[in-house]
Protein backbone atom coordinates (compact mmCIF):
# COMPACT_ATOMS: atom_id res chain seq x y z
CA UNK A 1 12.75 9.63 -25.18
CA UNK A 2 12.30 6.15 -24.84
CA UNK A 3 15.54 6.12 -22.36
CA UNK A 4 14.38 9.20 -20.34
CA UNK A 5 10.85 7.34 -19.80
CA UNK A 6 12.77 4.58 -18.36
CA UNK A 7 14.98 6.42 -15.95
CA UNK A 8 12.13 8.43 -14.70
CA UNK A 9 10.07 5.06 -13.96
CA UNK A 10 13.01 3.50 -12.74
CA UNK A 11 13.83 6.40 -10.41
CA UNK A 12 9.89 6.71 -9.02
CA UNK A 13 9.94 2.85 -8.34
CA UNK A 14 13.28 3.22 -6.24
CA UNK A 15 11.64 6.19 -4.62
CA UNK A 16 8.39 3.94 -3.62
CA UNK A 17 10.24 1.11 -2.43
CA UNK A 18 12.21 3.74 0.09
CA UNK A 19 8.70 5.00 1.49
CA UNK A 20 7.30 1.32 1.54
CA UNK A 21 10.33 -0.29 2.99
CA UNK A 22 10.31 2.39 5.43
CA UNK A 23 13.50 4.14 4.56
CA UNK A 24 11.95 6.96 4.08
CA UNK A 25 8.97 8.04 6.54
CA UNK A 26 6.44 10.62 6.52
CA UNK A 27 7.63 13.93 6.70
CA UNK A 28 10.97 13.18 5.56
CA UNK A 29 12.95 15.57 3.08
CA UNK A 30 14.32 14.49 -0.24
CA UNK A 31 17.67 15.61 -0.98
CA UNK A 32 18.09 15.41 -4.63
CA UNK A 33 21.95 15.30 -5.18
CA UNK A 34 22.59 12.10 -3.11
CA UNK A 35 19.41 10.87 -4.07
CA UNK A 36 20.23 11.18 -7.99
CA UNK A 37 23.53 9.57 -6.85
CA UNK A 38 22.18 6.28 -5.15
CA UNK A 39 19.96 6.00 -8.31
CA UNK A 40 22.52 6.12 -10.64
CA UNK A 41 20.80 8.87 -12.79
CA UNK A 42 20.98 12.80 -13.68
CA UNK A 43 19.23 15.50 -11.74
CA UNK A 44 16.53 16.04 -14.64
CA UNK A 45 14.98 12.76 -14.52
CA UNK A 46 15.07 12.52 -10.64
CA UNK A 47 12.89 15.78 -10.38
CA UNK A 48 10.53 14.39 -13.44
CA UNK A 49 10.22 11.06 -10.96
CA UNK A 50 9.91 13.61 -8.20
CA UNK A 51 6.44 15.09 -9.87
CA UNK A 52 5.15 11.57 -10.95
CA UNK A 53 5.39 10.84 -7.27
CA UNK A 54 3.87 14.17 -5.98
CA UNK A 55 1.01 13.59 -8.51
CA UNK A 56 0.14 10.08 -7.46
CA UNK A 57 -0.04 11.70 -3.39
CA UNK A 58 3.00 10.09 -2.10
CA UNK A 59 5.17 13.03 -2.25
CA UNK A 60 4.63 17.10 -1.83
CA UNK A 61 6.75 19.83 -2.47
CA UNK A 62 7.16 23.17 -0.21
CA UNK A 63 8.06 26.31 -0.92
CA UNK A 64 12.13 26.80 -1.10
CA UNK A 65 12.44 23.39 0.63
CA UNK A 66 12.04 20.63 -1.83
CA UNK A 67 10.13 17.72 -1.73
CA UNK A 68 8.99 15.57 1.24
CA UNK A 69 6.99 12.28 2.08
CA UNK A 70 3.57 13.25 2.30
CA UNK A 71 2.45 13.36 6.36
CA UNK A 72 -0.96 11.88 6.48
CA UNK A 73 -3.23 13.47 9.11
CA UNK A 74 -6.18 11.84 10.61
CA UNK A 75 -8.48 13.22 8.50
CA UNK A 76 -6.74 11.91 5.85
CA UNK A 77 -6.29 8.32 7.02
CA UNK A 78 -9.81 8.59 7.95
CA UNK A 79 -10.99 9.45 4.26
CA UNK A 80 -8.72 6.63 3.05
CA UNK A 81 -9.85 3.90 5.09
CA UNK A 82 -13.64 4.65 4.84
CA UNK A 83 -13.59 5.00 1.43
CA UNK A 84 -11.42 1.82 1.08
CA UNK A 85 -13.73 -0.19 2.66
CA UNK A 86 -16.53 1.07 0.81
CA UNK A 87 -15.22 0.21 -2.03
CA UNK A 88 -14.40 -3.08 -0.96
CA UNK A 89 -17.92 -3.89 0.52
CA UNK A 90 -19.18 -3.16 -3.24
CA UNK A 91 -16.50 -5.61 -4.64
CA UNK A 92 -17.42 -8.38 -2.00
CA UNK A 93 -21.48 -7.81 -3.18
CA UNK A 94 -20.69 -8.25 -6.68
CA UNK A 95 -17.88 -11.26 -6.17
CA UNK A 96 -21.35 -13.04 -3.75
CA UNK A 97 -23.24 -12.67 -7.28
CA UNK A 98 -20.68 -14.32 -9.27
CA UNK A 99 -18.65 -17.06 -7.28
CA UNK A 100 -15.91 -18.85 -8.77
CA UNK A 101 -13.50 -21.12 -7.49
CA UNK A 102 -10.88 -19.89 -9.99
CA UNK A 103 -11.32 -16.41 -8.62
CA UNK A 104 -9.23 -17.57 -5.76
CA UNK A 105 -6.32 -18.76 -7.72
CA UNK A 106 -4.63 -15.45 -8.15
CA UNK A 107 -5.16 -14.54 -4.42
CA UNK A 108 -3.59 -17.66 -3.65
CA UNK A 109 -0.62 -17.24 -5.18
CA UNK A 110 -0.48 -13.44 -3.81
CA UNK A 111 -0.59 -14.97 0.04
CA UNK A 112 2.29 -17.42 -1.00
CA UNK A 113 4.23 -14.37 -2.38
CA UNK A 114 3.63 -12.51 0.75
CA UNK A 115 4.70 -15.18 3.28
CA UNK A 116 7.62 -15.92 1.36
CA UNK A 117 8.52 -12.15 1.88
CA UNK A 118 7.36 -11.89 5.26
CA UNK A 119 9.78 -15.24 6.01
CA UNK A 120 12.84 -13.30 4.14
CA UNK A 121 12.26 -9.89 6.45
CA UNK A 122 11.21 -8.05 2.81
CA UNK A 123 9.29 -5.56 4.14
CA UNK A 124 8.91 -3.70 0.87
CA UNK A 125 7.66 -7.39 -0.82
CA UNK A 126 5.09 -7.55 1.96
CA UNK A 127 3.64 -4.26 1.76
CA UNK A 128 3.39 -4.61 -2.06
CA UNK A 129 1.92 -8.04 -1.70
CA UNK A 130 -0.60 -6.41 0.74
CA UNK A 131 -1.35 -4.21 -1.73
CA UNK A 132 -1.73 -6.66 -4.48
CA UNK A 133 -3.81 -8.95 -2.16
CA UNK A 134 -6.68 -6.26 -1.86
CA UNK A 135 -6.74 -4.96 -5.38
CA UNK A 136 -6.87 -8.81 -6.20
CA UNK A 137 -9.80 -8.94 -4.21
CA UNK A 138 -11.73 -6.45 -5.62
CA UNK A 139 -10.51 -7.36 -9.35
CA UNK A 140 -12.53 -10.73 -8.23
CA UNK A 141 -15.50 -8.80 -8.84
CA UNK A 142 -14.83 -8.19 -12.37
CA UNK A 143 -15.84 -4.63 -12.31
CA UNK A 144 -12.88 -2.61 -14.34
CA UNK A 145 -13.74 1.02 -13.42
CA UNK A 146 -14.75 -0.15 -9.72
CA UNK A 147 -10.51 -1.33 -9.92
CA UNK A 148 -9.22 1.33 -11.13
CA UNK A 149 -10.82 3.71 -8.73
CA UNK A 150 -9.51 1.57 -6.33
CA UNK A 151 -6.19 1.32 -7.49
CA UNK A 152 -5.73 5.20 -7.77
CA UNK A 153 -6.84 4.98 -3.69
CA UNK A 154 -4.51 2.61 -2.97
CA UNK A 155 -1.43 4.76 -4.44
CA UNK A 156 -1.94 6.99 -1.05
CA UNK A 157 -2.66 4.37 1.04
CA UNK A 158 0.53 2.38 0.57
CA UNK A 159 1.80 5.06 2.85
CA UNK A 160 -0.33 4.07 5.30
CA UNK A 161 0.13 0.55 5.06
CA UNK A 162 4.25 0.77 5.22
CA UNK A 163 3.74 2.11 8.30
CA UNK A 164 1.36 -0.43 9.37
CA UNK A 165 3.77 -3.18 8.40
CA UNK A 166 6.35 -1.68 10.38
CA UNK A 167 4.37 -1.04 13.49
CA UNK A 168 3.41 -4.74 13.32
CA UNK A 169 6.65 -6.33 12.36
CA UNK A 170 7.81 -4.09 15.50
CA UNK A 171 4.99 -5.07 17.86
CA UNK A 172 4.91 -8.91 17.04
CA UNK A 173 8.93 -9.19 16.23
CA UNK A 174 8.22 -10.51 12.77
CA UNK A 175 5.92 -9.92 9.37
CA UNK A 176 4.03 -13.18 9.42
CA UNK A 177 1.28 -11.50 11.50
CA UNK A 178 -0.11 -9.67 8.57
CA UNK A 179 0.28 -13.08 6.58
CA UNK A 180 -1.80 -14.48 9.03
CA UNK A 181 -4.62 -11.69 8.72
CA UNK A 182 -4.73 -11.70 4.94
CA UNK A 183 -5.10 -15.46 5.20
CA UNK A 184 -8.33 -15.16 7.22
CA UNK A 185 -9.47 -12.97 5.20
CA UNK A 186 -8.81 -15.37 2.04
CA UNK A 187 -10.26 -18.10 3.94
CA UNK A 188 -13.31 -15.98 4.74
CA UNK A 189 -13.99 -15.59 1.09
CA UNK A 190 -14.02 -19.15 0.15
CA UNK A 191 -16.85 -19.69 2.41
CA UNK A 192 -20.62 -18.38 0.69
CA UNK A 193 -21.47 -16.66 4.18
CA UNK A 194 -21.75 -13.00 3.31
CA UNK A 195 -21.88 -12.18 6.62
CA UNK A 196 -18.92 -13.71 7.82
CA UNK A 197 -17.24 -12.30 4.95
CA UNK A 198 -18.10 -8.89 5.96
CA UNK A 199 -17.21 -8.84 9.11
CA UNK A 200 -13.67 -10.52 8.25
CA UNK A 201 -13.29 -7.30 6.07
CA UNK A 202 -14.48 -4.91 9.14
CA UNK A 203 -12.25 -6.26 11.64
CA UNK A 204 -9.58 -6.01 9.14
CA UNK A 205 -9.88 -2.62 8.66
CA UNK A 206 -10.18 -1.72 11.82
CA UNK A 207 -6.75 -3.03 12.65
CA UNK A 208 -5.14 -1.73 9.83
CA UNK A 209 -6.39 2.08 10.92
CA UNK A 210 -5.98 1.39 14.63
CA UNK A 211 -1.82 0.28 13.83
CA UNK A 212 -1.19 3.09 10.93
CA UNK A 213 -2.47 6.10 13.53
CA UNK A 214 -0.81 4.57 16.52
CA UNK A 215 2.23 4.35 14.86
CA UNK A 216 1.94 8.04 13.36
CA UNK A 217 1.58 9.43 16.52
CA UNK A 218 4.56 8.07 18.11
CA UNK A 219 6.55 9.45 15.30
CA UNK A 220 7.00 12.60 17.03
CA UNK A 221 8.95 15.39 14.72
CA UNK A 222 8.25 12.84 11.44
CA UNK A 223 4.69 13.30 12.04
């Protein structure tokens, strides 16, 4: 049982990385036999992993056609980003009330990891650091239930973040632009100016949404 669970977890993680890295894009179908061979597992744990990712909102099962990567509609993206912004706004309010120098240590470490991954051209690691940064901001609020809700939302947001990072990389020629945007967010958090912090996060959210929507619109039959 332990081995089976480990194989399922390994397979789910491997497929997530394919999605985050842009190897599997929205609307792409998953072919089970070659996927199982690539992951080095049998079909039963692979199918369990696919069901896990379906429950997370990353994959969907279509009648008689197996699984494919979820396609986010404009409404999906609007709902995800508007809810994310509301949750982050609540977290920022709590951070303002309980600000400590130590709360930035983890965010500094994440930014070092993001920049290192960007310099190495490791897109999946950049996307993961992107997710970890925003979760880290919310975690700095100290509100455990808020963090739980936010983490659940971020699983679905990874789809749009992966697309956004890919778009930004193609338009700028590298992955460092995203690092610079997150470093500006971190810099704004260090200064006790609520209006400046909220403005920075508002502008960041707008850039994410526009980049993601543009990428999805230009993918043709993959969208």
